[in-house]
Amino acid sequence: MTFHYMNGQSESFNLYAPVESDGSTQTFQLVEVRHLLNKDWWIINLPDQTVFVNIDNVVKVEVKPAIDQLKGEDVFTNAERVTALNRSR
């Protein structure tokens, strides 16, 4: 997950899906993502520190690989990037 901040900086984190009691990995649901996007602060717990990200300072969040399970209203499927975001300085 990469956060792109208003000041032009970016920061990336590896996030891993929680493991269920049956050993399978949990999948993201659209409801969970929408709930997370409504939060003012995201908390990322790393092995050596905890990072609090104020989403008001973020202009874009990228998640790679794509979350294929997201489907429904407001989700553009079968999209293709034509040009990368350019920033004039």
C-alpha atoms as a PDB file:
ATOM      1  CA  MET A   1       0.000   0.000   0.000  1.00  0.00           C
ATOM      2  CA  THR A   2       1.427   3.352  -1.008  1.00  0.00           C
ATOM      3  CA  PHE A   3       0.245   6.653   0.429  1.00  0.00           C
ATOM      4  CA  HIS A   4       0.822   9.752  -1.711  1.00  0.00           C
ATOM      5  CA  TYR A   5       0.789  12.868   0.469  1.00  0.00           C
ATOM      6  CA  MET A   6      -0.249  16.411  -0.401  1.00  0.00           C
ATOM      7  CA  ASN A   7       3.364  17.629  -0.098  1.00  0.00           C
ATOM      8  CA  GLY A   8       4.503  15.306  -2.918  1.00  0.00           C
ATOM      9  CA  GLN A   9       6.077  12.651  -0.677  1.00  0.00           C
ATOM     10  CA  SER A  10       5.000   9.017  -0.683  1.00  0.00           C
ATOM     11  CA  GLU A  11       5.358   6.113   1.720  1.00  0.00           C
ATOM     12  CA  SER A  12       4.809   2.388   1.137  1.00  0.00           C
ATOM     13  CA  PHE A  13       3.930  -0.495   3.438  1.00  0.00           C
ATOM     14  CA  ASN A  14       3.511  -4.241   2.946  1.00  0.00           C
ATOM     15  CA  LEU A  15       0.184  -5.317   4.406  1.00  0.00           C
ATOM     16  CA  TYR A  16      -0.856  -8.921   4.848  1.00  0.00           C
ATOM     17  CA  ALA A  17      -4.407 -10.230   5.010  1.00  0.00           C
ATOM     18  CA  PRO A  18      -5.295 -11.686   8.417  1.00  0.00           C
ATOM     19  CA  VAL A  19      -5.364 -15.470   8.648  1.00  0.00           C
ATOM     20  CA  GLU A  20      -8.696 -17.009   9.638  1.00  0.00           C
ATOM     21  CA  SER A  21      -8.977 -19.782  12.239  1.00  0.00           C
ATOM     22  CA  ASP A  22      -9.311 -22.352   9.418  1.00  0.00           C
ATOM     23  CA  GLY A  23      -5.953 -21.271   7.960  1.00  0.00           C
ATOM     24  CA  SER A  24      -7.377 -19.366   4.989  1.00  0.00           C
ATOM     25  CA  THR A  25      -6.647 -15.701   4.443  1.00  0.00           C
ATOM     26  CA  GLN A  26      -9.372 -13.150   4.965  1.00  0.00           C
ATOM     27  CA  THR A  27     -10.619 -11.355   1.852  1.00  0.00           C
ATOM     28  CA  PHE A  28     -11.440  -7.661   1.632  1.00  0.00           C
ATOM     29  CA  GLN A  29     -15.108  -6.890   1.218  1.00  0.00           C
ATOM     30  CA  LEU A  30     -16.371  -3.665  -0.311  1.00  0.00           C
ATOM     31  CA  VAL A  31     -18.159  -2.819   2.963  1.00  0.00           C
ATOM     32  CA  GLU A  32     -14.886  -3.132   4.913  1.00  0.00           C
ATOM     33  CA  VAL A  33     -12.997  -0.928   2.443  1.00  0.00           C
ATOM     34  CA  ARG A  34     -15.712   1.739   2.500  1.00  0.00           C
ATOM     35  CA  HIS A  35     -15.663   1.683   6.311  1.00  0.00           C
ATOM     36  CA  LEU A  36     -11.887   2.125   6.308  1.00  0.00           C
ATOM     37  CA  LEU A  37     -12.051   4.983   3.785  1.00  0.00           C
ATOM     38  CA  ASN A  38     -14.402   6.878   6.121  1.00  0.00           C
ATOM     39  CA  LYS A  39     -11.822   6.911   8.933  1.00  0.00           C
ATOM     40  CA  ASP A  40      -9.798  10.091   9.575  1.00  0.00           C
ATOM     41  CA  TRP A  41      -6.743   8.157  10.786  1.00  0.00           C
ATOM     42  CA  TRP A  42      -5.353   4.842   9.580  1.00  0.00           C
ATOM     43  CA  ILE A  43      -3.182   2.910  12.037  1.00  0.00           C
ATOM     44  CA  ILE A  44      -0.450   0.663  10.650  1.00  0.00           C
ATOM     45  CA  ASN A  45       1.166  -1.621  13.200  1.00  0.00           C
ATOM     46  CA  LEU A  46       4.723  -2.558  12.192  1.00  0.00           C
ATOM     47  CA  PRO A  47       7.011  -4.928  14.113  1.00  0.00           C
ATOM     48  CA  ASP A  48       9.135  -2.023  15.415  1.00  0.00           C
ATOM     49  CA  GLN A  49       6.678   0.906  15.458  1.00  0.00           C
ATOM     50  CA  THR A  50       3.109   2.029  14.938  1.00  0.00           C
ATOM     51  CA  VAL A  51       2.382   4.578  12.211  1.00  0.00           C
ATOM     52  CA  PHE A  52      -0.671   6.836  12.298  1.00  0.00           C
ATOM     53  CA  VAL A  53      -1.632   8.271   8.899  1.00  0.00           C
ATOM     54  CA  ASN A  54      -3.944  11.280   8.783  1.00  0.00           C
ATOM     55  CA  ILE A  55      -5.947  10.666   5.634  1.00  0.00           C
ATOM     56  CA  ASP A  56      -6.660  14.403   5.281  1.00  0.00           C
ATOM     57  CA  ASN A  57      -3.023  14.720   4.137  1.00  0.00           C
ATOM     58  CA  VAL A  58      -3.290  11.926   1.550  1.00  0.00           C
ATOM     59  CA  VAL A  59      -4.261  12.576  -2.055  1.00  0.00           C
ATOM     60  CA  LYS A  60      -4.060   8.991  -3.298  1.00  0.00           C
ATOM     61  CA  VAL A  61      -3.701   5.456  -1.951  1.00  0.00           C
ATOM     62  CA  GLU A  62      -2.392   2.698  -4.216  1.00  0.00           C
ATOM     63  CA  VAL A  63      -2.777  -0.990  -3.400  1.00  0.00           C
ATOM     64  CA  LYS A  64      -0.732  -3.592  -5.278  1.00  0.00           C
ATOM     65  CA  PRO A  65      -1.627  -6.218  -6.223  1.00  0.00           C
ATOM     66  CA  ALA A  66      -5.165  -5.175  -7.049  1.00  0.00           C
ATOM     67  CA  ILE A  67      -8.000  -6.203  -4.722  1.00  0.00           C
ATOM     68  CA  ASP A  68      -9.973  -8.282  -7.221  1.00  0.00           C
ATOM     69  CA  GLN A  69     -12.727  -9.041  -4.701  1.00  0.00           C
ATOM     70  CA  LEU A  70     -13.970  -5.433  -4.791  1.00  0.00           C
ATOM     71  CA  LYS A  71     -17.077  -5.275  -6.912  1.00  0.00           C
ATOM     72  CA  GLY A  72     -20.225  -3.195  -6.852  1.00  0.00           C
ATOM     73  CA  GLU A  73     -21.374   0.387  -7.034  1.00  0.00           C
ATOM     74  CA  ASP A  74     -18.586   2.970  -7.441  1.00  0.00           C
ATOM     75  CA  VAL A  75     -16.002   0.331  -8.425  1.00  0.00           C
ATOM     76  CA  PHE A  76     -14.651   0.572 -11.960  1.00  0.00           C
ATOM     77  CA  THR A  77     -13.791  -2.935 -13.136  1.00  0.00           C
ATOM     78  CA  ASN A  78     -11.809  -3.739 -16.274  1.00  0.00           C
ATOM     79  CA  ALA A  79     -10.006  -0.387 -16.071  1.00  0.00           C
ATOM     80  CA  GLU A  80      -6.662   0.321 -17.702  1.00  0.00           C
ATOM     81  CA  ARG A  81      -4.204   3.112 -16.883  1.00  0.00           C
ATOM     82  CA  VAL A  82      -3.349   5.132 -19.975  1.00  0.00           C
ATOM     83  CA  THR A  83      -0.965   7.694 -18.467  1.00  0.00           C
ATOM     84  CA  ALA A  84       0.750   7.985 -15.112  1.00  0.00           C
ATOM     85  CA  LEU A  85       0.014  10.921 -12.844  1.00  0.00           C
ATOM     86  CA  ASN A  86       2.309  13.834 -13.553  1.00  0.00           C
ATOM     87  CA  ARG A  87       2.988  16.629 -11.124  1.00  0.00           C
ATOM     88  CA  SER A  88       4.299  20.001 -12.289  1.00  0.00           C
ATOM     89  CA  ARG A  89       6.871  21.688 -10.045  1.00  0.00           C
END
